[in-house]
All heavy atoms as atom14 arrays in JSON, in Angstrom:
{
  "sequence": "PKAHAAHRAAAGRFATNILPIIREIQSAGRTSLREIAAALNARGV",
  "atom14_mask": [
    [1, 1, 1, 1, 1, 1, 1, 0, 0, 0, 0, 0, 0, 0],
    [1, 1, 1, 1, 1, 1, 1, 1, 1, 0, 0, 0, 0, 0],
    [1, 1, 1, 1, 1, 0, 0, 0, 0, 0, 0, 0, 0, 0],
    [1, 1, 1, 1, 1, 1, 1, 1, 1, 1, 0, 0, 0, 0],
    [1, 1, 1, 1, 1, 0, 0, 0, 0, 0, 0, 0, 0, 0],
    [1, 1, 1, 1, 1, 0, 0, 0, 0, 0, 0, 0, 0, 0],
    [1, 1, 1, 1, 1, 1, 1, 1, 1, 1, 0, 0, 0, 0],
    [1, 1, 1, 1, 1, 1, 1, 1, 1, 1, 1, 0, 0, 0],
    [1, 1, 1, 1, 1, 0, 0, 0, 0, 0, 0, 0, 0, 0],
    [1, 1, 1, 1, 1, 0, 0, 0, 0, 0, 0, 0, 0, 0],
    [1, 1, 1, 1, 1, 0, 0, 0, 0, 0, 0, 0, 0, 0],
    [1, 1, 1, 1, 0, 0, 0, 0, 0, 0, 0, 0, 0, 0],
    [1, 1, 1, 1, 1, 1, 1, 1, 1, 1, 1, 0, 0, 0],
    [1, 1, 1, 1, 1, 1, 1, 1, 1, 1, 1, 0, 0, 0],
    [1, 1, 1, 1, 1, 0, 0, 0, 0, 0, 0, 0, 0, 0],
    [1, 1, 1, 1, 1, 1, 1, 0, 0, 0, 0, 0, 0, 0],
    [1, 1, 1, 1, 1, 1, 1, 1, 0, 0, 0, 0, 0, 0],
    [1, 1, 1, 1, 1, 1, 1, 1, 0, 0, 0, 0, 0, 0],
    [1, 1, 1, 1, 1, 1, 1, 1, 0, 0, 0, 0, 0, 0],
    [1, 1, 1, 1, 1, 1, 1, 0, 0, 0, 0, 0, 0, 0],
    [1, 1, 1, 1, 1, 1, 1, 1, 0, 0, 0, 0, 0, 0],
    [1, 1, 1, 1, 1, 1, 1, 1, 0, 0, 0, 0, 0, 0],
    [1, 1, 1, 1, 1, 1, 1, 1, 1, 1, 1, 0, 0, 0],
    [1, 1, 1, 1, 1, 1, 1, 1, 1, 0, 0, 0, 0, 0],
    [1, 1, 1, 1, 1, 1, 1, 1, 0, 0, 0, 0, 0, 0],
    [1, 1, 1, 1, 1, 1, 1, 1, 1, 0, 0, 0, 0, 0],
    [1, 1, 1, 1, 1, 1, 0, 0, 0, 0, 0, 0, 0, 0],
    [1, 1, 1, 1, 1, 0, 0, 0, 0, 0, 0, 0, 0, 0],
    [1, 1, 1, 1, 0, 0, 0, 0, 0, 0, 0, 0, 0, 0],
    [1, 1, 1, 1, 1, 1, 1, 1, 1, 1, 1, 0, 0, 0],
    [1, 1, 1, 1, 1, 1, 1, 0, 0, 0, 0, 0, 0, 0],
    [1, 1, 1, 1, 1, 1, 0, 0, 0, 0, 0, 0, 0, 0],
    [1, 1, 1, 1, 1, 1, 1, 1, 0, 0, 0, 0, 0, 0],
    [1, 1, 1, 1, 1, 1, 1, 1, 1, 1, 1, 0, 0, 0],
    [1, 1, 1, 1, 1, 1, 1, 1, 1, 0, 0, 0, 0, 0],
    [1, 1, 1, 1, 1, 1, 1, 1, 0, 0, 0, 0, 0, 0],
    [1, 1, 1, 1, 1, 0, 0, 0, 0, 0, 0, 0, 0, 0],
    [1, 1, 1, 1, 1, 0, 0, 0, 0, 0, 0, 0, 0, 0],
    [1, 1, 1, 1, 1, 0, 0, 0, 0, 0, 0, 0, 0, 0],
    [1, 1, 1, 1, 1, 1, 1, 1, 0, 0, 0, 0, 0, 0],
    [1, 1, 1, 1, 1, 1, 1, 1, 0, 0, 0, 0, 0, 0],
    [1, 1, 1, 1, 1, 0, 0, 0, 0, 0, 0, 0, 0, 0],
    [1, 1, 1, 1, 1, 1, 1, 1, 1, 1, 1, 0, 0, 0],
    [1, 1, 1, 1, 0, 0, 0, 0, 0, 0, 0, 0, 0, 0],
    [1, 1, 1, 1, 1, 1, 1, 0, 0, 0, 0, 0, 0, 0]
  ],
  "atom14_positions": [
    [[80.2, 95.78, 98.19], [79.73, 94.48, 98.68], [80.63, 93.33, 98.24], [80.86, 92.39, 99.0], [78.34, 94.35, 98.04], [77.93, 95.76, 97.74], [79.19, 96.46, 97.35], [0.0, 0.0, 0.0], [0.0, 0.0, 0.0], [0.0, 0.0, 0.0], [0.0, 0.0, 0.0], [0.0, 0.0, 0.0], [0.0, 0.0, 0.0], [0.0, 0.0, 0.0]],
    [[81.13, 93.39, 97.01], [82.0, 92.33, 96.52], [83.31, 92.32, 97.3], [83.84, 91.25, 97.63], [82.27, 92.51, 95.03], [81.02, 92.37, 94.16], [81.34, 92.6, 92.69], [80.09, 92.5, 91.84], [80.39, 92.75, 90.4], [0.0, 0.0, 0.0], [0.0, 0.0, 0.0], [0.0, 0.0, 0.0], [0.0, 0.0, 0.0], [0.0, 0.0, 0.0]],
    [[83.85, 93.49, 97.56], [85.09, 93.58, 98.32], [84.9, 93.04, 99.73], [85.77, 92.35, 100.27], [85.58, 95.02, 98.36], [0.0, 0.0, 0.0], [0.0, 0.0, 0.0], [0.0, 0.0, 0.0], [0.0, 0.0, 0.0], [0.0, 0.0, 0.0], [0.0, 0.0, 0.0], [0.0, 0.0, 0.0], [0.0, 0.0, 0.0], [0.0, 0.0, 0.0]],
    [[83.73, 93.35, 100.31], [83.44, 92.87, 101.66], [83.33, 91.34, 101.67], [83.85, 90.68, 102.58], [82.14, 93.48, 102.17], [81.85, 93.19, 103.6], [82.72, 93.53, 104.62], [80.79, 92.58, 104.19], [82.21, 93.14, 105.77], [81.04, 92.56, 105.54], [0.0, 0.0, 0.0], [0.0, 0.0, 0.0], [0.0, 0.0, 0.0], [0.0, 0.0, 0.0]],
    [[82.68, 90.8, 100.66], [82.55, 89.34, 100.58], [83.91, 88.68, 100.38], [84.19, 87.63, 100.96], [81.61, 88.97, 99.42], [0.0, 0.0, 0.0], [0.0, 0.0, 0.0], [0.0, 0.0, 0.0], [0.0, 0.0, 0.0], [0.0, 0.0, 0.0], [0.0, 0.0, 0.0], [0.0, 0.0, 0.0], [0.0, 0.0, 0.0], [0.0, 0.0, 0.0]],
    [[84.74, 89.29, 99.56], [86.08, 88.75, 99.33], [86.91, 88.79, 100.61], [87.68, 87.86, 100.9], [86.79, 89.53, 98.22], [0.0, 0.0, 0.0], [0.0, 0.0, 0.0], [0.0, 0.0, 0.0], [0.0, 0.0, 0.0], [0.0, 0.0, 0.0], [0.0, 0.0, 0.0], [0.0, 0.0, 0.0], [0.0, 0.0, 0.0], [0.0, 0.0, 0.0]],
    [[86.73, 89.87, 101.37], [87.44, 89.99, 102.65], [87.0, 88.89, 103.61], [87.84, 88.27, 104.29], [87.18, 91.36, 103.26], [87.79, 91.53, 104.62], [89.14, 91.71, 104.8], [87.23, 91.53, 105.86], [89.39, 91.82, 106.09], [88.25, 91.71, 106.75], [0.0, 0.0, 0.0], [0.0, 0.0, 0.0], [0.0, 0.0, 0.0], [0.0, 0.0, 0.0]],
    [[85.7, 88.63, 103.67], [85.2, 87.57, 104.54], [85.74, 86.21, 104.11], [86.11, 85.38, 104.94], [83.67, 87.54, 104.53], [83.01, 88.7, 105.26], [81.56, 88.35, 105.62], [80.82, 87.92, 104.46], [80.14, 88.72, 103.65], [80.13, 90.02, 103.89], [79.48, 88.23, 102.62], [0.0, 0.0, 0.0], [0.0, 0.0, 0.0], [0.0, 0.0, 0.0]],
    [[85.77, 85.98, 102.8], [86.27, 84.7, 102.3], [87.75, 84.52, 102.64], [88.18, 83.44, 103.04], [86.06, 84.61, 100.79], [0.0, 0.0, 0.0], [0.0, 0.0, 0.0], [0.0, 0.0, 0.0], [0.0, 0.0, 0.0], [0.0, 0.0, 0.0], [0.0, 0.0, 0.0], [0.0, 0.0, 0.0], [0.0, 0.0, 0.0], [0.0, 0.0, 0.0]],
    [[88.52, 85.6, 102.47], [89.95, 85.53, 102.79], [90.17, 85.28, 104.28], [91.04, 84.5, 104.67], [90.65, 86.82, 102.36], [0.0, 0.0, 0.0], [0.0, 0.0, 0.0], [0.0, 0.0, 0.0], [0.0, 0.0, 0.0], [0.0, 0.0, 0.0], [0.0, 0.0, 0.0], [0.0, 0.0, 0.0], [0.0, 0.0, 0.0], [0.0, 0.0, 0.0]],
    [[89.35, 85.95, 105.1], [89.46, 85.75, 106.55], [89.1, 84.31, 106.92], [89.72, 83.72, 107.82], [88.54, 86.73, 107.28], [0.0, 0.0, 0.0], [0.0, 0.0, 0.0], [0.0, 0.0, 0.0], [0.0, 0.0, 0.0], [0.0, 0.0, 0.0], [0.0, 0.0, 0.0], [0.0, 0.0, 0.0], [0.0, 0.0, 0.0], [0.0, 0.0, 0.0]],
    [[88.11, 83.75, 106.24], [87.74, 82.36, 106.49], [88.85, 81.39, 106.13], [89.12, 80.44, 106.87], [0.0, 0.0, 0.0], [0.0, 0.0, 0.0], [0.0, 0.0, 0.0], [0.0, 0.0, 0.0], [0.0, 0.0, 0.0], [0.0, 0.0, 0.0], [0.0, 0.0, 0.0], [0.0, 0.0, 0.0], [0.0, 0.0, 0.0], [0.0, 0.0, 0.0]],
    [[89.49, 81.64, 104.99], [90.6, 80.77, 104.57], [91.76, 80.89, 105.56], [92.4, 79.89, 105.9], [91.07, 81.14, 103.17], [90.09, 80.76, 102.06], [90.74, 80.85, 100.7], [91.17, 82.2, 100.39], [90.41, 83.09, 99.78], [89.17, 82.79, 99.43], [90.87, 84.3, 99.51], [0.0, 0.0, 0.0], [0.0, 0.0, 0.0], [0.0, 0.0, 0.0]],
    [[92.02, 82.11, 106.01], [93.11, 82.31, 106.98], [92.81, 81.54, 108.27], [93.69, 80.87, 108.83], [93.27, 83.8, 107.28], [94.35, 84.1, 108.27], [95.67, 84.11, 107.89], [94.04, 84.38, 109.6], [96.68, 84.39, 108.81], [95.03, 84.65, 110.52], [96.36, 84.65, 110.12], [0.0, 0.0, 0.0], [0.0, 0.0, 0.0], [0.0, 0.0, 0.0]],
    [[91.57, 81.63, 108.75], [91.2, 80.93, 109.98], [91.36, 79.42, 109.8], [91.83, 78.73, 110.71], [89.75, 81.27, 110.35], [0.0, 0.0, 0.0], [0.0, 0.0, 0.0], [0.0, 0.0, 0.0], [0.0, 0.0, 0.0], [0.0, 0.0, 0.0], [0.0, 0.0, 0.0], [0.0, 0.0, 0.0], [0.0, 0.0, 0.0], [0.0, 0.0, 0.0]],
    [[90.97, 78.92, 108.64], [91.1, 77.48, 108.38], [92.56, 77.04, 108.4], [92.88, 75.95, 108.88], [90.47, 77.14, 107.01], [89.08, 77.5, 107.04], [90.6, 75.66, 106.7], [0.0, 0.0, 0.0], [0.0, 0.0, 0.0], [0.0, 0.0, 0.0], [0.0, 0.0, 0.0], [0.0, 0.0, 0.0], [0.0, 0.0, 0.0], [0.0, 0.0, 0.0]],
    [[93.46, 77.88, 107.88], [94.88, 77.53, 107.85], [95.52, 77.59, 109.23], [96.43, 76.82, 109.53], [95.62, 78.48, 106.9], [95.25, 78.25, 105.45], [94.84, 77.15, 105.08], [95.37, 79.27, 104.62], [0.0, 0.0, 0.0], [0.0, 0.0, 0.0], [0.0, 0.0, 0.0], [0.0, 0.0, 0.0], [0.0, 0.0, 0.0], [0.0, 0.0, 0.0]],
    [[95.06, 78.53, 110.06], [95.68, 78.71, 111.38], [95.11, 77.74, 112.41], [95.8, 77.36, 113.37], [95.47, 80.16, 111.87], [96.17, 81.14, 110.92], [96.0, 80.36, 113.28], [97.68, 80.96, 110.85], [0.0, 0.0, 0.0], [0.0, 0.0, 0.0], [0.0, 0.0, 0.0], [0.0, 0.0, 0.0], [0.0, 0.0, 0.0], [0.0, 0.0, 0.0]],
    [[93.88, 77.29, 112.2], [93.22, 76.45, 113.21], [94.02, 75.19, 113.56], [94.11, 74.85, 114.75], [91.82, 76.07, 112.72], [90.93, 75.37, 113.77], [90.73, 76.27, 114.99], [89.58, 75.01, 113.16], [0.0, 0.0, 0.0], [0.0, 0.0, 0.0], [0.0, 0.0, 0.0], [0.0, 0.0, 0.0], [0.0, 0.0, 0.0], [0.0, 0.0, 0.0]],
    [[94.62, 74.46, 112.57], [95.41, 73.28, 112.96], [96.57, 73.61, 113.89], [96.92, 72.81, 114.77], [95.9, 72.73, 111.61], [94.92, 73.24, 110.62], [94.52, 74.59, 111.11], [0.0, 0.0, 0.0], [0.0, 0.0, 0.0], [0.0, 0.0, 0.0], [0.0, 0.0, 0.0], [0.0, 0.0, 0.0], [0.0, 0.0, 0.0], [0.0, 0.0, 0.0]],
    [[97.17, 74.78, 113.7], [98.28, 75.18, 114.57], [97.76, 75.43, 115.98], [98.38, 75.02, 116.97], [98.96, 76.44, 114.0], [99.43, 76.21, 112.56], [100.14, 76.84, 114.89], [100.0, 77.44, 111.89], [0.0, 0.0, 0.0], [0.0, 0.0, 0.0], [0.0, 0.0, 0.0], [0.0, 0.0, 0.0], [0.0, 0.0, 0.0], [0.0, 0.0, 0.0]],
    [[96.6, 76.08, 116.08], [96.01, 76.34, 117.4], [95.64, 75.03, 118.09], [95.86, 74.86, 119.29], [94.78, 77.26, 117.26], [95.22, 78.66, 116.84], [94.0, 77.33, 118.57], [94.09, 79.65, 116.66], [0.0, 0.0, 0.0], [0.0, 0.0, 0.0], [0.0, 0.0, 0.0], [0.0, 0.0, 0.0], [0.0, 0.0, 0.0], [0.0, 0.0, 0.0]],
    [[95.09, 74.07, 117.33], [94.73, 72.78, 117.92], [95.97, 72.06, 118.44], [95.93, 71.4, 119.49], [94.03, 71.9, 116.89], [92.69, 72.43, 116.39], [91.74, 72.75, 117.52], [90.43, 73.18, 117.05], [89.64, 73.99, 117.69], [90.04, 74.51, 118.85], [88.46, 74.34, 117.21], [0.0, 0.0, 0.0], [0.0, 0.0, 0.0], [0.0, 0.0, 0.0]],
    [[97.06, 72.2, 117.72], [98.31, 71.58, 118.17], [98.78, 72.23, 119.48], [99.24, 71.55, 120.4], [99.39, 71.74, 117.09], [100.73, 71.12, 117.47], [101.8, 71.41, 116.43], [101.44, 71.78, 115.3], [102.98, 71.27, 116.76], [0.0, 0.0, 0.0], [0.0, 0.0, 0.0], [0.0, 0.0, 0.0], [0.0, 0.0, 0.0], [0.0, 0.0, 0.0]],
    [[98.67, 73.55, 119.56], [99.05, 74.27, 120.78], [98.17, 73.84, 121.94], [98.65, 73.61, 123.06], [98.95, 75.78, 120.54], [100.02, 76.24, 119.54], [99.1, 76.56, 121.86], [99.84, 77.66, 119.07], [0.0, 0.0, 0.0], [0.0, 0.0, 0.0], [0.0, 0.0, 0.0], [0.0, 0.0, 0.0], [0.0, 0.0, 0.0], [0.0, 0.0, 0.0]],
    [[96.87, 73.72, 121.68], [95.94, 73.3, 122.73], [96.24, 71.88, 123.21], [96.16, 71.59, 124.41], [94.5, 73.39, 122.22], [94.02, 74.82, 122.01], [92.64, 74.86, 121.34], [92.33, 74.04, 120.47], [91.82, 75.82, 121.72], [0.0, 0.0, 0.0], [0.0, 0.0, 0.0], [0.0, 0.0, 0.0], [0.0, 0.0, 0.0], [0.0, 0.0, 0.0]],
    [[96.6, 71.01, 122.28], [96.89, 69.63, 122.66], [98.15, 69.54, 123.53], [98.34, 68.56, 124.25], [97.06, 68.76, 121.42], [98.19, 69.13, 120.67], [0.0, 0.0, 0.0], [0.0, 0.0, 0.0], [0.0, 0.0, 0.0], [0.0, 0.0, 0.0], [0.0, 0.0, 0.0], [0.0, 0.0, 0.0], [0.0, 0.0, 0.0], [0.0, 0.0, 0.0]],
    [[99.01, 70.56, 123.43], [100.22, 70.6, 124.25], [99.94, 71.16, 125.65], [100.86, 71.3, 126.46], [101.3, 71.43, 123.56], [0.0, 0.0, 0.0], [0.0, 0.0, 0.0], [0.0, 0.0, 0.0], [0.0, 0.0, 0.0], [0.0, 0.0, 0.0], [0.0, 0.0, 0.0], [0.0, 0.0, 0.0], [0.0, 0.0, 0.0], [0.0, 0.0, 0.0]],
    [[98.68, 71.5, 125.93], [98.3, 71.95, 127.27], [98.13, 73.44, 127.43], [97.8, 73.91, 128.51], [0.0, 0.0, 0.0], [0.0, 0.0, 0.0], [0.0, 0.0, 0.0], [0.0, 0.0, 0.0], [0.0, 0.0, 0.0], [0.0, 0.0, 0.0], [0.0, 0.0, 0.0], [0.0, 0.0, 0.0], [0.0, 0.0, 0.0], [0.0, 0.0, 0.0]],
    [[98.35, 74.21, 126.36], [98.17, 75.66, 126.43], [96.8, 75.99, 125.85], [96.64, 76.09, 124.65], [99.29, 76.36, 125.68], [100.64, 76.26, 126.4], [101.79, 76.74, 125.55], [102.17, 75.75, 124.55], [103.23, 75.86, 123.76], [104.01, 76.91, 123.84], [103.51, 74.91, 122.88], [0.0, 0.0, 0.0], [0.0, 0.0, 0.0], [0.0, 0.0, 0.0]],
    [[95.82, 76.13, 126.74], [94.43, 76.21, 126.29], [93.79, 77.58, 126.44], [92.77, 77.86, 125.8], [93.58, 75.18, 127.06], [93.71, 75.43, 128.47], [94.05, 73.76, 126.77], [0.0, 0.0, 0.0], [0.0, 0.0, 0.0], [0.0, 0.0, 0.0], [0.0, 0.0, 0.0], [0.0, 0.0, 0.0], [0.0, 0.0, 0.0], [0.0, 0.0, 0.0]],
    [[94.33, 78.44, 127.29], [93.71, 79.76, 127.45], [94.02, 80.62, 126.23], [94.99, 80.39, 125.51], [94.23, 80.45, 128.71], [95.56, 80.88, 128.55], [0.0, 0.0, 0.0], [0.0, 0.0, 0.0], [0.0, 0.0, 0.0], [0.0, 0.0, 0.0], [0.0, 0.0, 0.0], [0.0, 0.0, 0.0], [0.0, 0.0, 0.0], [0.0, 0.0, 0.0]],
    [[93.18, 81.64, 126.01], [93.39, 82.53, 124.86], [94.75, 83.22, 124.95], [95.44, 83.37, 123.94], [92.26, 83.57, 124.81], [90.85, 83.03, 124.55], [89.84, 84.15, 124.64], [90.78, 82.36, 123.18], [0.0, 0.0, 0.0], [0.0, 0.0, 0.0], [0.0, 0.0, 0.0], [0.0, 0.0, 0.0], [0.0, 0.0, 0.0], [0.0, 0.0, 0.0]],
    [[95.12, 83.62, 126.15], [96.4, 84.3, 126.33], [97.57, 83.37, 126.02], [98.55, 83.75, 125.37], [96.52, 84.83, 127.75], [97.82, 85.59, 128.02], [97.86, 86.15, 129.43], [96.78, 87.11, 129.65], [96.58, 87.73, 130.81], [97.36, 87.47, 131.85], [95.59, 88.59, 130.92], [0.0, 0.0, 0.0], [0.0, 0.0, 0.0], [0.0, 0.0, 0.0]],
    [[97.47, 82.11, 126.47], [98.54, 81.14, 126.22], [98.65, 80.81, 124.73], [99.75, 80.69, 124.19], [98.27, 79.86, 127.02], [98.48, 80.0, 128.51], [98.05, 78.75, 129.27], [97.14, 78.04, 128.79], [98.61, 78.51, 130.35], [0.0, 0.0, 0.0], [0.0, 0.0, 0.0], [0.0, 0.0, 0.0], [0.0, 0.0, 0.0], [0.0, 0.0, 0.0]],
    [[97.51, 80.69, 124.08], [97.53, 80.41, 122.64], [98.15, 81.57, 121.88], [98.97, 81.37, 120.97], [96.1, 80.14, 122.14], [95.56, 78.85, 122.76], [96.07, 80.04, 120.61], [94.09, 78.62, 122.5], [0.0, 0.0, 0.0], [0.0, 0.0, 0.0], [0.0, 0.0, 0.0], [0.0, 0.0, 0.0], [0.0, 0.0, 0.0], [0.0, 0.0, 0.0]],
    [[97.77, 82.8, 122.25], [98.34, 83.98, 121.59], [99.85, 84.03, 121.77], [100.6, 84.3, 120.82], [97.69, 85.25, 122.15], [0.0, 0.0, 0.0], [0.0, 0.0, 0.0], [0.0, 0.0, 0.0], [0.0, 0.0, 0.0], [0.0, 0.0, 0.0], [0.0, 0.0, 0.0], [0.0, 0.0, 0.0], [0.0, 0.0, 0.0], [0.0, 0.0, 0.0]],
    [[100.32, 83.74, 122.99], [101.76, 83.77, 123.26], [102.48, 82.71, 122.44], [103.59, 82.96, 121.91], [102.01, 83.55, 124.76], [0.0, 0.0, 0.0], [0.0, 0.0, 0.0], [0.0, 0.0, 0.0], [0.0, 0.0, 0.0], [0.0, 0.0, 0.0], [0.0, 0.0, 0.0], [0.0, 0.0, 0.0], [0.0, 0.0, 0.0], [0.0, 0.0, 0.0]],
    [[101.89, 81.52, 122.32], [102.51, 80.45, 121.55], [102.57, 80.8, 120.06], [103.58, 80.53, 119.39], [101.74, 79.15, 121.76], [0.0, 0.0, 0.0], [0.0, 0.0, 0.0], [0.0, 0.0, 0.0], [0.0, 0.0, 0.0], [0.0, 0.0, 0.0], [0.0, 0.0, 0.0], [0.0, 0.0, 0.0], [0.0, 0.0, 0.0], [0.0, 0.0, 0.0]],
    [[101.51, 81.4, 119.53], [101.52, 81.81, 118.12], [102.59, 82.85, 117.86], [103.32, 82.79, 116.87], [100.14, 82.36, 117.73], [99.01, 81.34, 117.61], [97.67, 82.04, 117.46], [99.24, 80.4, 116.43], [0.0, 0.0, 0.0], [0.0, 0.0, 0.0], [0.0, 0.0, 0.0], [0.0, 0.0, 0.0], [0.0, 0.0, 0.0], [0.0, 0.0, 0.0]],
    [[102.7, 83.82, 118.76], [103.73, 84.86, 118.61], [105.12, 84.27, 118.7], [106.04, 84.68, 117.97], [103.54, 85.95, 119.67], [102.28, 86.76, 119.45], [101.84, 86.94, 118.32], [101.69, 87.27, 120.52], [0.0, 0.0, 0.0], [0.0, 0.0, 0.0], [0.0, 0.0, 0.0], [0.0, 0.0, 0.0], [0.0, 0.0, 0.0], [0.0, 0.0, 0.0]],
    [[105.31, 83.3, 119.61], [106.61, 82.68, 119.77], [107.03, 81.91, 118.51], [108.21, 81.85, 118.17], [106.6, 81.73, 120.97], [0.0, 0.0, 0.0], [0.0, 0.0, 0.0], [0.0, 0.0, 0.0], [0.0, 0.0, 0.0], [0.0, 0.0, 0.0], [0.0, 0.0, 0.0], [0.0, 0.0, 0.0], [0.0, 0.0, 0.0], [0.0, 0.0, 0.0]],
    [[106.05, 81.37, 117.81], [106.33, 80.63, 116.58], [106.5, 81.53, 115.37], [106.81, 81.07, 114.28], [105.21, 79.63, 116.29], [105.12, 78.5, 117.32], [104.06, 77.49, 116.94], [103.99, 76.41, 117.9], [103.32, 75.29, 117.69], [102.67, 75.12, 116.55], [103.29, 74.34, 118.61], [0.0, 0.0, 0.0], [0.0, 0.0, 0.0], [0.0, 0.0, 0.0]],
    [[106.27, 82.81, 115.54], [106.41, 83.74, 114.43], [105.19, 83.78, 113.53], [105.25, 84.34, 112.43], [0.0, 0.0, 0.0], [0.0, 0.0, 0.0], [0.0, 0.0, 0.0], [0.0, 0.0, 0.0], [0.0, 0.0, 0.0], [0.0, 0.0, 0.0], [0.0, 0.0, 0.0], [0.0, 0.0, 0.0], [0.0, 0.0, 0.0], [0.0, 0.0, 0.0]],
    [[104.08, 83.2, 113.97], [102.84, 83.25, 113.19], [102.2, 84.61, 113.38], [102.05, 85.09, 114.5], [101.86, 82.15, 113.64], [100.59, 82.19, 112.81], [102.52, 80.77, 113.52], [0.0, 0.0, 0.0], [0.0, 0.0, 0.0], [0.0, 0.0, 0.0], [0.0, 0.0, 0.0], [0.0, 0.0, 0.0], [0.0, 0.0, 0.0], [0.0, 0.0, 0.0]]
  ]
}
């Protein structure tokens, strides 16, 4: 249970760190999930 909780916490921190990058991509006009994924891959994230 502790390992599972730690995993959830780490995943939450990761999402928080990546979200600003996704918002920046969305503001540039790439709003679909596929477009966002392509932009993240292009940036090396």
